[in-house]
Amino acid sequence: MIIKNVNLETVCGITSTLPENTMPEFAFAGKSNVGKSSLINALMNRKAYARTSSQPGKTQTINFYNINDALYYVDLPGYGYANASVEVKAKWGKMIERYLHQSQMLCCVFLLIDIRHDPSANDRLMYDWIVEQGYTPVIIATKLDKLKRSQVAKHVKAVRQGLDLPKDGILIPFSAETKDGREEIWQLIETMAGMVNTT
């Protein structure tokens, strides 16, 4: 995918009205500090358009990035941030739930999991919950560059088993450092958005 232009078009807080977009939307969910902003920056072919932070819990809004005036990347608040209050966590959960229920243009939810670790209870809850909302999450196993090549297959298997992914469930290992996996994610987005002829 050639990225010609990127625009942070809409930022929705807890009380904001969600935009009624008319282009395909691709949402990114994942626990705090799993590399969501880094993935979105890589997919936008920008170094630091989406704010990255070593401090978890930074994304507290739903951010809509207009890509090439053709589709949207939707950055959802990170979950499982230990230092957030129960009240704040509940609000973030409600924001995500409202978005999944109300978006008319959502094509796919990408769920990010750190490839180095077995999925946490929060990861499993999020996966099951996205499925319950009627979506089939695509798993992005982030921080691939932190593993040796010989370890990758074992860790991919552990993530699949930890989430109880179906056999045909899509899992793409990804590295923000090396950009491994980016082309595969782009191809998936283009296909789902109807931007390529798949026949």
N, C-alpha and C. Protein backbone atom coordinates (compact mmCIF):
# COMPACT_ATOMS: atom_id res chain seq x y z
N MET A 1 0.86 -1.20 0.00
CA MET A 1 0.00 0.00 0.00
C MET A 1 0.89 1.24 0.00
N ILE A 2 0.65 2.13 -0.93
CA ILE A 2 1.39 3.39 -0.96
C ILE A 2 0.61 4.43 -0.16
N ILE A 3 1.23 4.95 0.87
CA ILE A 3 0.55 5.94 1.73
C ILE A 3 0.83 7.34 1.18
N LYS A 4 -0.20 7.95 0.63
CA LYS A 4 -0.02 9.29 0.05
C LYS A 4 -0.32 10.38 1.08
N ASN A 5 -1.40 10.20 1.82
CA ASN A 5 -1.67 11.21 2.85
C ASN A 5 -2.34 10.58 4.06
N VAL A 6 -2.06 11.18 5.21
CA VAL A 6 -2.55 10.71 6.51
C VAL A 6 -3.08 11.93 7.25
N ASN A 7 -4.24 11.76 7.87
CA ASN A 7 -4.80 12.89 8.61
C ASN A 7 -5.52 12.38 9.85
N LEU A 8 -5.11 12.86 11.02
CA LEU A 8 -5.85 12.55 12.24
C LEU A 8 -7.13 13.38 12.19
N GLU A 9 -8.20 12.72 11.76
CA GLU A 9 -9.42 13.47 11.41
C GLU A 9 -10.34 13.70 12.60
N THR A 10 -10.48 12.67 13.45
CA THR A 10 -11.43 12.77 14.57
C THR A 10 -10.82 12.16 15.82
N VAL A 11 -10.99 12.85 16.94
CA VAL A 11 -10.57 12.32 18.24
C VAL A 11 -11.81 12.29 19.13
N CYS A 12 -12.20 11.10 19.58
CA CYS A 12 -13.42 10.96 20.38
C CYS A 12 -13.08 10.64 21.83
N GLY A 13 -13.58 11.45 22.73
CA GLY A 13 -13.45 11.18 24.15
C GLY A 13 -14.67 10.40 24.63
N ILE A 14 -14.77 10.29 25.95
CA ILE A 14 -15.82 9.46 26.54
C ILE A 14 -17.23 9.96 26.19
N THR A 15 -17.38 11.27 26.10
CA THR A 15 -18.72 11.81 25.85
C THR A 15 -18.93 12.21 24.38
N SER A 16 -17.91 12.02 23.54
CA SER A 16 -18.02 12.46 22.14
C SER A 16 -19.00 11.59 21.35
N THR A 17 -19.59 12.21 20.35
CA THR A 17 -20.40 11.46 19.38
C THR A 17 -19.45 10.84 18.36
N LEU A 18 -19.64 9.57 18.08
CA LEU A 18 -18.78 8.90 17.11
C LEU A 18 -19.09 9.41 15.70
N PRO A 19 -18.08 9.55 14.86
CA PRO A 19 -18.33 10.04 13.50
C PRO A 19 -19.08 9.01 12.66
N GLU A 20 -19.90 9.51 11.75
CA GLU A 20 -20.59 8.60 10.81
C GLU A 20 -19.79 8.56 9.52
N ASN A 21 -18.71 7.79 9.55
CA ASN A 21 -17.82 7.73 8.39
C ASN A 21 -18.44 6.90 7.27
N THR A 22 -17.99 7.17 6.05
CA THR A 22 -18.53 6.44 4.89
C THR A 22 -17.45 5.60 4.22
N MET A 23 -16.26 5.53 4.84
CA MET A 23 -15.18 4.71 4.29
C MET A 23 -14.86 3.58 5.26
N PRO A 24 -14.28 2.48 4.76
CA PRO A 24 -13.99 1.33 5.62
C PRO A 24 -13.11 1.71 6.81
N GLU A 25 -13.38 1.09 7.96
CA GLU A 25 -12.61 1.35 9.18
C GLU A 25 -11.92 0.06 9.64
N PHE A 26 -10.70 0.22 10.10
CA PHE A 26 -9.91 -0.90 10.64
C PHE A 26 -9.45 -0.50 12.02
N ALA A 27 -9.93 -1.22 13.03
CA ALA A 27 -9.68 -0.84 14.42
C ALA A 27 -8.51 -1.64 14.99
N PHE A 28 -7.77 -0.99 15.90
CA PHE A 28 -6.60 -1.60 16.54
C PHE A 28 -6.81 -1.61 18.05
N ALA A 29 -6.84 -2.81 18.62
CA ALA A 29 -7.04 -2.96 20.06
C ALA A 29 -5.85 -3.71 20.63
N GLY A 30 -5.58 -3.45 21.90
CA GLY A 30 -4.47 -4.16 22.54
C GLY A 30 -4.22 -3.56 23.90
N LYS A 31 -3.56 -4.34 24.76
CA LYS A 31 -3.32 -3.80 26.09
C LYS A 31 -2.26 -2.69 26.04
N SER A 32 -2.22 -1.91 27.06
CA SER A 32 -1.28 -0.79 27.13
C SER A 32 0.15 -1.26 26.91
N ASN A 33 0.87 -0.50 26.10
CA ASN A 33 2.30 -0.75 25.86
C ASN A 33 2.59 -1.99 25.02
N VAL A 34 1.61 -2.47 24.25
CA VAL A 34 1.85 -3.64 23.41
C VAL A 34 2.44 -3.24 22.05
N GLY A 35 2.48 -1.92 21.79
CA GLY A 35 3.07 -1.45 20.54
C GLY A 35 2.04 -1.00 19.52
N LYS A 36 0.87 -0.57 20.01
CA LYS A 36 -0.22 -0.19 19.10
C LYS A 36 0.14 1.04 18.27
N SER A 37 0.64 2.09 18.93
CA SER A 37 1.01 3.31 18.20
C SER A 37 2.14 3.03 17.22
N SER A 38 3.09 2.19 17.62
CA SER A 38 4.21 1.85 16.73
C SER A 38 3.71 1.12 15.49
N LEU A 39 2.76 0.21 15.67
CA LEU A 39 2.18 -0.51 14.53
C LEU A 39 1.45 0.47 13.61
N ILE A 40 0.64 1.34 14.19
CA ILE A 40 -0.13 2.28 13.37
C ILE A 40 0.81 3.21 12.62
N ASN A 41 1.87 3.69 13.28
CA ASN A 41 2.86 4.52 12.59
C ASN A 41 3.48 3.77 11.42
N ALA A 42 3.82 2.50 11.63
CA ALA A 42 4.42 1.70 10.55
C ALA A 42 3.45 1.53 9.39
N LEU A 43 2.17 1.32 9.72
CA LEU A 43 1.16 1.15 8.66
C LEU A 43 0.83 2.47 7.96
N MET A 44 1.12 3.59 8.61
CA MET A 44 0.92 4.89 7.98
C MET A 44 2.20 5.35 7.28
N ASN A 45 3.28 4.53 7.44
CA ASN A 45 4.58 4.88 6.89
C ASN A 45 5.06 6.24 7.42
N ARG A 46 4.77 6.47 8.69
CA ARG A 46 5.19 7.70 9.35
C ARG A 46 5.99 7.31 10.60
N LYS A 47 6.95 8.16 10.95
CA LYS A 47 7.79 7.81 12.11
C LYS A 47 7.05 7.97 13.43
N ALA A 48 6.35 9.07 13.59
CA ALA A 48 5.77 9.35 14.92
C ALA A 48 4.47 10.12 14.82
N TYR A 49 3.62 9.74 13.86
CA TYR A 49 2.35 10.46 13.72
C TYR A 49 1.41 10.10 14.87
N ALA A 50 1.28 8.78 15.11
CA ALA A 50 0.54 8.34 16.30
C ALA A 50 1.52 8.41 17.46
N ARG A 51 1.08 9.00 18.57
CA ARG A 51 2.00 9.20 19.69
C ARG A 51 2.37 7.88 20.34
N THR A 52 3.66 7.62 20.40
CA THR A 52 4.13 6.44 21.13
C THR A 52 4.64 6.92 22.49
N SER A 53 4.58 6.02 23.44
CA SER A 53 5.03 6.41 24.77
C SER A 53 5.48 5.17 25.52
N SER A 54 6.51 5.35 26.34
CA SER A 54 6.92 4.24 27.21
C SER A 54 6.00 4.19 28.43
N GLN A 55 5.17 5.20 28.55
CA GLN A 55 4.24 5.25 29.69
C GLN A 55 2.92 4.65 29.25
N PRO A 56 2.52 3.50 29.83
CA PRO A 56 1.29 2.85 29.40
C PRO A 56 0.07 3.73 29.66
N GLY A 57 -1.00 3.43 28.94
CA GLY A 57 -2.27 4.10 29.18
C GLY A 57 -2.37 5.48 28.55
N LYS A 58 -1.50 5.77 27.56
CA LYS A 58 -1.49 7.09 26.94
C LYS A 58 -2.73 7.33 26.08
N THR A 59 -3.11 6.33 25.29
CA THR A 59 -4.27 6.51 24.41
C THR A 59 -5.54 6.40 25.23
N GLN A 60 -6.19 7.54 25.47
CA GLN A 60 -7.42 7.54 26.27
C GLN A 60 -8.60 8.04 25.45
N THR A 61 -8.38 8.10 24.15
CA THR A 61 -9.43 8.52 23.23
C THR A 61 -9.49 7.52 22.09
N ILE A 62 -10.52 7.61 21.26
CA ILE A 62 -10.57 6.84 20.02
C ILE A 62 -10.15 7.78 18.91
N ASN A 63 -9.05 7.44 18.24
CA ASN A 63 -8.48 8.31 17.22
C ASN A 63 -8.72 7.74 15.83
N PHE A 64 -9.30 8.56 14.95
CA PHE A 64 -9.60 8.13 13.58
C PHE A 64 -8.59 8.76 12.63
N TYR A 65 -7.76 7.94 12.01
CA TYR A 65 -6.78 8.42 11.04
C TYR A 65 -7.29 8.15 9.63
N ASN A 66 -7.47 9.22 8.86
CA ASN A 66 -7.89 9.10 7.46
C ASN A 66 -6.66 8.75 6.63
N ILE A 67 -6.71 7.62 5.93
CA ILE A 67 -5.58 7.15 5.13
C ILE A 67 -5.93 7.25 3.65
N ASN A 68 -5.23 8.11 2.94
CA ASN A 68 -5.40 8.25 1.48
C ASN A 68 -6.82 8.61 1.06
N ASP A 69 -7.60 9.19 1.97
CA ASP A 69 -9.02 9.47 1.67
C ASP A 69 -9.72 8.21 1.16
N ALA A 70 -9.28 7.05 1.67
CA ALA A 70 -9.84 5.78 1.20
C ALA A 70 -10.33 4.89 2.35
N LEU A 71 -9.73 5.06 3.54
CA LEU A 71 -10.11 4.22 4.67
C LEU A 71 -9.62 4.87 5.95
N TYR A 72 -10.01 4.28 7.09
CA TYR A 72 -9.60 4.80 8.40
C TYR A 72 -8.89 3.73 9.20
N TYR A 73 -7.81 4.13 9.89
CA TYR A 73 -7.25 3.34 10.98
C TYR A 73 -7.86 3.93 12.25
N VAL A 74 -8.40 3.07 13.10
CA VAL A 74 -9.05 3.53 14.33
C VAL A 74 -8.28 2.99 15.53
N ASP A 75 -7.66 3.91 16.27
CA ASP A 75 -6.82 3.55 17.42
C ASP A 75 -7.70 3.58 18.67
N LEU A 76 -7.93 2.39 19.25
CA LEU A 76 -8.77 2.27 20.44
C LEU A 76 -7.92 2.40 21.71
N PRO A 77 -8.51 2.84 22.83
CA PRO A 77 -7.73 2.95 24.07
C PRO A 77 -7.16 1.60 24.48
N GLY A 78 -5.94 1.62 25.03
CA GLY A 78 -5.33 0.39 25.52
C GLY A 78 -6.06 -0.11 26.76
N TYR A 79 -6.07 -1.42 26.94
CA TYR A 79 -6.75 -1.98 28.13
C TYR A 79 -5.73 -2.64 29.04
N GLY A 80 -6.17 -2.94 30.25
CA GLY A 80 -5.31 -3.68 31.18
C GLY A 80 -4.21 -2.86 31.81
N TYR A 81 -4.37 -1.53 31.79
CA TYR A 81 -3.34 -0.68 32.40
C TYR A 81 -3.55 -0.66 33.91
N ALA A 82 -2.60 -1.22 34.64
CA ALA A 82 -2.78 -1.47 36.08
C ALA A 82 -3.03 -0.19 36.88
N ASN A 83 -2.39 0.91 36.48
CA ASN A 83 -2.47 2.13 37.30
C ASN A 83 -3.72 2.97 37.05
N ALA A 84 -4.52 2.59 36.05
CA ALA A 84 -5.76 3.33 35.82
C ALA A 84 -6.77 2.94 36.88
N SER A 85 -7.58 3.91 37.28
CA SER A 85 -8.59 3.61 38.30
C SER A 85 -9.68 2.72 37.71
N VAL A 86 -10.40 2.05 38.56
CA VAL A 86 -11.51 1.18 38.12
C VAL A 86 -12.50 1.98 37.29
N GLU A 87 -12.76 3.20 37.75
CA GLU A 87 -13.71 4.07 37.05
C GLU A 87 -13.23 4.40 35.63
N VAL A 88 -11.94 4.74 35.51
CA VAL A 88 -11.37 5.07 34.19
C VAL A 88 -11.40 3.84 33.28
N LYS A 89 -11.01 2.68 33.85
CA LYS A 89 -11.03 1.44 33.06
C LYS A 89 -12.43 1.16 32.53
N ALA A 90 -13.42 1.35 33.39
CA ALA A 90 -14.81 1.10 32.99
C ALA A 90 -15.21 2.04 31.85
N LYS A 91 -14.77 3.29 31.93
CA LYS A 91 -15.09 4.27 30.87
C LYS A 91 -14.44 3.88 29.55
N TRP A 92 -13.16 3.46 29.62
CA TRP A 92 -12.48 3.03 28.39
C TRP A 92 -13.22 1.84 27.78
N GLY A 93 -13.62 0.89 28.63
CA GLY A 93 -14.34 -0.28 28.15
C GLY A 93 -15.64 0.11 27.46
N LYS A 94 -16.35 1.06 28.07
CA LYS A 94 -17.62 1.53 27.48
C LYS A 94 -17.38 2.22 26.14
N MET A 95 -16.29 2.98 26.04
CA MET A 95 -15.96 3.65 24.76
C MET A 95 -15.75 2.62 23.66
N ILE A 96 -14.95 1.60 23.97
CA ILE A 96 -14.66 0.57 22.97
C ILE A 96 -15.93 -0.17 22.58
N GLU A 97 -16.73 -0.50 23.61
CA GLU A 97 -17.99 -1.22 23.36
C GLU A 97 -18.92 -0.40 22.47
N ARG A 98 -19.02 0.88 22.78
CA ARG A 98 -19.89 1.77 22.01
C ARG A 98 -19.44 1.83 20.55
N TYR A 99 -18.12 1.90 20.37
CA TYR A 99 -17.59 1.96 19.01
C TYR A 99 -17.91 0.67 18.24
N LEU A 100 -17.64 -0.48 18.86
CA LEU A 100 -17.88 -1.76 18.18
C LEU A 100 -19.36 -1.94 17.84
N HIS A 101 -20.23 -1.43 18.72
CA HIS A 101 -21.67 -1.56 18.48
C HIS A 101 -22.16 -0.60 17.41
N GLN A 102 -21.60 0.61 17.40
CA GLN A 102 -22.20 1.67 16.58
C GLN A 102 -21.57 1.85 15.21
N SER A 103 -20.31 1.46 15.04
CA SER A 103 -19.66 1.71 13.75
C SER A 103 -20.34 0.91 12.64
N GLN A 104 -20.72 1.61 11.61
CA GLN A 104 -21.35 0.96 10.45
C GLN A 104 -20.31 0.51 9.43
N MET A 105 -19.09 1.02 9.56
CA MET A 105 -18.08 0.81 8.52
C MET A 105 -16.90 -0.05 8.98
N LEU A 106 -16.99 -0.62 10.18
CA LEU A 106 -15.88 -1.40 10.71
C LEU A 106 -15.73 -2.71 9.94
N CYS A 107 -14.57 -2.87 9.30
CA CYS A 107 -14.30 -4.08 8.51
C CYS A 107 -13.61 -5.16 9.33
N CYS A 108 -12.74 -4.71 10.25
CA CYS A 108 -11.91 -5.69 10.94
C CYS A 108 -11.34 -5.08 12.22
N VAL A 109 -11.20 -5.91 13.25
CA VAL A 109 -10.52 -5.50 14.48
C VAL A 109 -9.19 -6.27 14.55
N PHE A 110 -8.10 -5.52 14.62
CA PHE A 110 -6.78 -6.12 14.83
C PHE A 110 -6.51 -6.11 16.33
N LEU A 111 -6.24 -7.30 16.87
CA LEU A 111 -5.94 -7.41 18.30
C LEU A 111 -4.45 -7.69 18.45
N LEU A 112 -3.76 -6.80 19.17
CA LEU A 112 -2.31 -6.91 19.31
C LEU A 112 -1.96 -7.67 20.58
N ILE A 113 -1.06 -8.64 20.42
CA ILE A 113 -0.58 -9.45 21.54
C ILE A 113 0.95 -9.44 21.48
N ASP A 114 1.60 -9.26 22.61
CA ASP A 114 3.07 -9.31 22.68
C ASP A 114 3.51 -10.76 22.45
N ILE A 115 4.24 -11.00 21.37
CA ILE A 115 4.62 -12.37 20.98
C ILE A 115 5.50 -13.04 22.03
N ARG A 116 6.15 -12.26 22.89
CA ARG A 116 7.10 -12.84 23.86
C ARG A 116 6.40 -13.54 25.01
N HIS A 117 5.13 -13.21 25.23
CA HIS A 117 4.43 -13.72 26.42
C HIS A 117 3.15 -14.43 26.03
N ASP A 118 2.77 -15.40 26.85
CA ASP A 118 1.46 -16.03 26.65
C ASP A 118 0.38 -14.96 26.83
N PRO A 119 -0.73 -15.05 26.08
CA PRO A 119 -1.81 -14.07 26.25
C PRO A 119 -2.27 -14.00 27.70
N SER A 120 -2.49 -12.79 28.18
CA SER A 120 -2.93 -12.59 29.56
C SER A 120 -4.43 -12.83 29.66
N ALA A 121 -4.94 -12.83 30.89
CA ALA A 121 -6.40 -12.96 31.10
C ALA A 121 -7.12 -11.83 30.38
N ASN A 122 -6.56 -10.61 30.44
CA ASN A 122 -7.16 -9.46 29.75
C ASN A 122 -7.19 -9.68 28.24
N ASP A 123 -6.10 -10.23 27.69
CA ASP A 123 -6.05 -10.50 26.25
C ASP A 123 -7.14 -11.50 25.85
N ARG A 124 -7.28 -12.54 26.65
CA ARG A 124 -8.29 -13.57 26.33
C ARG A 124 -9.69 -13.00 26.44
N LEU A 125 -9.91 -12.18 27.46
CA LEU A 125 -11.22 -11.54 27.62
C LEU A 125 -11.54 -10.66 26.41
N MET A 126 -10.55 -9.87 25.98
CA MET A 126 -10.74 -8.96 24.86
C MET A 126 -11.03 -9.75 23.58
N TYR A 127 -10.27 -10.82 23.37
CA TYR A 127 -10.48 -11.64 22.18
C TYR A 127 -11.91 -12.21 22.17
N ASP A 128 -12.30 -12.82 23.28
CA ASP A 128 -13.64 -13.42 23.36
C ASP A 128 -14.73 -12.37 23.19
N TRP A 129 -14.48 -11.21 23.74
CA TRP A 129 -15.45 -10.13 23.71
C TRP A 129 -15.64 -9.60 22.29
N ILE A 130 -14.52 -9.44 21.55
CA ILE A 130 -14.61 -8.99 20.15
C ILE A 130 -15.41 -10.01 19.33
N VAL A 131 -15.14 -11.29 19.58
CA VAL A 131 -15.88 -12.37 18.88
C VAL A 131 -17.37 -12.27 19.20
N GLU A 132 -17.67 -12.02 20.49
CA GLU A 132 -19.09 -11.90 20.90
C GLU A 132 -19.79 -10.74 20.20
N GLN A 133 -19.02 -9.69 19.86
CA GLN A 133 -19.61 -8.54 19.16
C GLN A 133 -19.83 -8.83 17.68
N GLY A 134 -19.43 -10.03 17.24
CA GLY A 134 -19.70 -10.42 15.85
C GLY A 134 -18.52 -10.24 14.91
N TYR A 135 -17.34 -9.95 15.47
CA TYR A 135 -16.16 -9.75 14.62
C TYR A 135 -15.18 -10.91 14.80
N THR A 136 -14.39 -11.16 13.74
CA THR A 136 -13.33 -12.16 13.83
C THR A 136 -12.01 -11.41 13.92
N PRO A 137 -11.41 -11.31 15.11
CA PRO A 137 -10.19 -10.51 15.24
C PRO A 137 -9.03 -11.12 14.44
N VAL A 138 -8.22 -10.25 13.86
CA VAL A 138 -6.94 -10.66 13.28
C VAL A 138 -5.90 -10.38 14.35
N ILE A 139 -5.10 -11.39 14.68
CA ILE A 139 -4.11 -11.23 15.75
C ILE A 139 -2.79 -10.72 15.17
N ILE A 140 -2.29 -9.63 15.72
CA ILE A 140 -0.96 -9.12 15.36
C ILE A 140 -0.04 -9.41 16.55
N ALA A 141 0.92 -10.29 16.34
CA ALA A 141 1.86 -10.65 17.41
C ALA A 141 3.05 -9.69 17.33
N THR A 142 3.06 -8.69 18.21
CA THR A 142 4.03 -7.60 18.12
C THR A 142 5.37 -7.96 18.77
N LYS A 143 6.35 -7.07 18.55
CA LYS A 143 7.69 -7.17 19.15
C LYS A 143 8.45 -8.41 18.66
N LEU A 144 8.21 -8.75 17.40
CA LEU A 144 8.85 -9.93 16.79
C LEU A 144 10.37 -9.85 16.85
N ASP A 145 10.92 -8.64 16.72
CA ASP A 145 12.38 -8.48 16.69
C ASP A 145 13.04 -8.82 18.03
N LYS A 146 12.23 -8.94 19.09
CA LYS A 146 12.79 -9.28 20.42
C LYS A 146 13.07 -10.78 20.55
N LEU A 147 12.62 -11.57 19.57
CA LEU A 147 12.84 -13.02 19.63
C LEU A 147 13.91 -13.44 18.62
N LYS A 148 14.58 -14.55 18.91
CA LYS A 148 15.45 -15.16 17.90
C LYS A 148 14.54 -15.88 16.91
N ARG A 149 15.03 -15.99 15.67
CA ARG A 149 14.20 -16.66 14.63
C ARG A 149 13.78 -18.06 15.07
N SER A 150 14.68 -18.75 15.75
CA SER A 150 14.39 -20.13 16.16
C SER A 150 13.28 -20.22 17.20
N GLN A 151 12.96 -19.07 17.85
CA GLN A 151 11.93 -19.08 18.91
C GLN A 151 10.53 -18.75 18.38
N VAL A 152 10.47 -18.20 17.15
CA VAL A 152 9.22 -17.60 16.67
C VAL A 152 8.08 -18.62 16.61
N ALA A 153 8.33 -19.78 16.00
CA ALA A 153 7.26 -20.77 15.81
C ALA A 153 6.66 -21.20 17.15
N LYS A 154 7.52 -21.38 18.13
CA LYS A 154 7.06 -21.81 19.46
C LYS A 154 6.15 -20.74 20.09
N HIS A 155 6.56 -19.49 19.95
CA HIS A 155 5.79 -18.39 20.55
C HIS A 155 4.47 -18.15 19.81
N VAL A 156 4.51 -18.28 18.48
CA VAL A 156 3.27 -18.15 17.69
C VAL A 156 2.27 -19.22 18.14
N LYS A 157 2.77 -20.43 18.31
CA LYS A 157 1.91 -21.53 18.76
C LYS A 157 1.32 -21.23 20.14
N ALA A 158 2.15 -20.67 21.04
CA ALA A 158 1.68 -20.35 22.40
C ALA A 158 0.59 -19.29 22.37
N VAL A 159 0.74 -18.28 21.50
CA VAL A 159 -0.30 -17.24 21.38
C VAL A 159 -1.59 -17.86 20.83
N ARG A 160 -1.46 -18.68 19.80
CA ARG A 160 -2.64 -19.33 19.22
C ARG A 160 -3.38 -20.17 20.26
N GLN A 161 -2.62 -20.95 21.01
CA GLN A 161 -3.23 -21.82 22.02
C GLN A 161 -3.81 -21.00 23.17
N GLY A 162 -3.08 -19.94 23.56
CA GLY A 162 -3.54 -19.10 24.67
C GLY A 162 -4.87 -18.42 24.39
N LEU A 163 -5.10 -18.08 23.12
CA LEU A 163 -6.36 -17.42 22.75
C LEU A 163 -7.40 -18.42 22.25
N ASP A 164 -6.95 -19.69 22.11
CA ASP A 164 -7.81 -20.73 21.55
C ASP A 164 -8.29 -20.31 20.15
N LEU A 165 -7.33 -19.86 19.33
CA LEU A 165 -7.65 -19.42 17.97
C LEU A 165 -8.12 -20.60 17.14
N PRO A 166 -9.14 -20.39 16.29
CA PRO A 166 -9.51 -21.46 15.37
C PRO A 166 -8.39 -21.71 14.37
N LYS A 167 -8.43 -22.88 13.71
CA LYS A 167 -7.34 -23.24 12.77
C LYS A 167 -7.15 -22.21 11.69
N ASP A 168 -8.27 -21.62 11.23
CA ASP A 168 -8.18 -20.65 10.13
C ASP A 168 -8.02 -19.22 10.64
N GLY A 169 -7.85 -19.05 11.96
CA GLY A 169 -7.66 -17.72 12.52
C GLY A 169 -6.35 -17.11 12.03
N ILE A 170 -6.38 -15.84 11.66
CA ILE A 170 -5.19 -15.18 11.11
C ILE A 170 -4.33 -14.61 12.24
N LEU A 171 -3.05 -14.95 12.23
CA LEU A 171 -2.08 -14.39 13.17
C LEU A 171 -0.88 -13.93 12.35
N ILE A 172 -0.51 -12.66 12.49
CA ILE A 172 0.62 -12.10 11.74
C ILE A 172 1.68 -11.60 12.71
N PRO A 173 2.86 -12.24 12.74
CA PRO A 173 3.95 -11.70 13.56
C PRO A 173 4.42 -10.37 12.96
N PHE A 174 4.72 -9.40 13.83
CA PHE A 174 5.06 -8.06 13.35
C PHE A 174 6.17 -7.44 14.19
N SER A 175 7.05 -6.71 13.52
CA SER A 175 8.07 -5.93 14.21
C SER A 175 8.03 -4.49 13.73
N ALA A 176 7.89 -3.56 14.68
CA ALA A 176 7.93 -2.13 14.34
C ALA A 176 9.34 -1.72 13.95
N GLU A 177 10.33 -2.47 14.43
CA GLU A 177 11.73 -2.15 14.13
C GLU A 177 12.09 -2.53 12.70
N THR A 178 11.80 -3.77 12.32
CA THR A 178 12.22 -4.28 11.01
C THR A 178 11.11 -4.16 9.96
N LYS A 179 9.90 -3.88 10.42
CA LYS A 179 8.70 -3.78 9.55
C LYS A 179 8.27 -5.16 9.02
N ASP A 180 8.83 -6.23 9.58
CA ASP A 180 8.35 -7.57 9.22
C ASP A 180 6.86 -7.67 9.50
N GLY A 181 6.11 -8.19 8.55
CA GLY A 181 4.67 -8.36 8.73
C GLY A 181 3.84 -7.21 8.16
N ARG A 182 4.49 -6.06 7.91
CA ARG A 182 3.71 -4.90 7.46
C ARG A 182 3.02 -5.13 6.12
N GLU A 183 3.76 -5.69 5.15
CA GLU A 183 3.17 -5.92 3.82
C GLU A 183 1.95 -6.83 3.92
N GLU A 184 2.08 -7.85 4.76
CA GLU A 184 0.98 -8.82 4.93
C GLU A 184 -0.27 -8.12 5.50
N ILE A 185 -0.05 -7.22 6.47
CA ILE A 185 -1.18 -6.50 7.08
C ILE A 185 -1.80 -5.56 6.04
N TRP A 186 -0.95 -4.85 5.30
CA TRP A 186 -1.45 -3.96 4.25
C TRP A 186 -2.30 -4.72 3.23
N GLN A 187 -1.81 -5.88 2.81
CA GLN A 187 -2.54 -6.68 1.81
C GLN A 187 -3.92 -7.07 2.34
N LEU A 188 -3.95 -7.46 3.61
CA LEU A 188 -5.21 -7.84 4.25
C LEU A 188 -6.18 -6.65 4.26
N ILE A 189 -5.66 -5.48 4.65
CA ILE A 189 -6.50 -4.27 4.70
C ILE A 189 -7.02 -3.92 3.31
N GLU A 190 -6.15 -3.96 2.31
CA GLU A 190 -6.56 -3.63 0.94
C GLU A 190 -7.64 -4.59 0.45
N THR A 191 -7.46 -5.87 0.74
CA THR A 191 -8.45 -6.87 0.31
C THR A 191 -9.80 -6.62 0.99
N MET A 192 -9.75 -6.42 2.32
CA MET A 192 -11.00 -6.22 3.05
C MET A 192 -11.69 -4.92 2.67
N ALA A 193 -10.89 -3.91 2.33
CA ALA A 193 -11.47 -2.61 1.96
C ALA A 193 -11.94 -2.61 0.51
N GLY A 194 -11.72 -3.73 -0.19
CA GLY A 194 -12.15 -3.81 -1.58
C GLY A 194 -11.30 -2.97 -2.51
N MET A 195 -10.03 -2.75 -2.11
CA MET A 195 -9.15 -1.88 -2.91
C MET A 195 -8.37 -2.67 -3.94
N VAL A 196 -8.44 -4.00 -3.87
CA VAL A 196 -7.76 -4.80 -4.88
C VAL A 196 -8.75 -5.81 -5.44
N ASN A 197 -8.48 -6.23 -6.63
CA ASN A 197 -9.33 -7.23 -7.26
C ASN A 197 -8.88 -8.60 -6.77
N THR A 198 -9.72 -9.28 -6.03
CA THR A 198 -9.31 -10.54 -5.39
C THR A 198 -9.71 -11.76 -6.22
N THR A 199 -10.32 -11.54 -7.37
CA THR A 199 -10.76 -12.69 -8.18
C THR A 199 -9.62 -13.23 -9.01
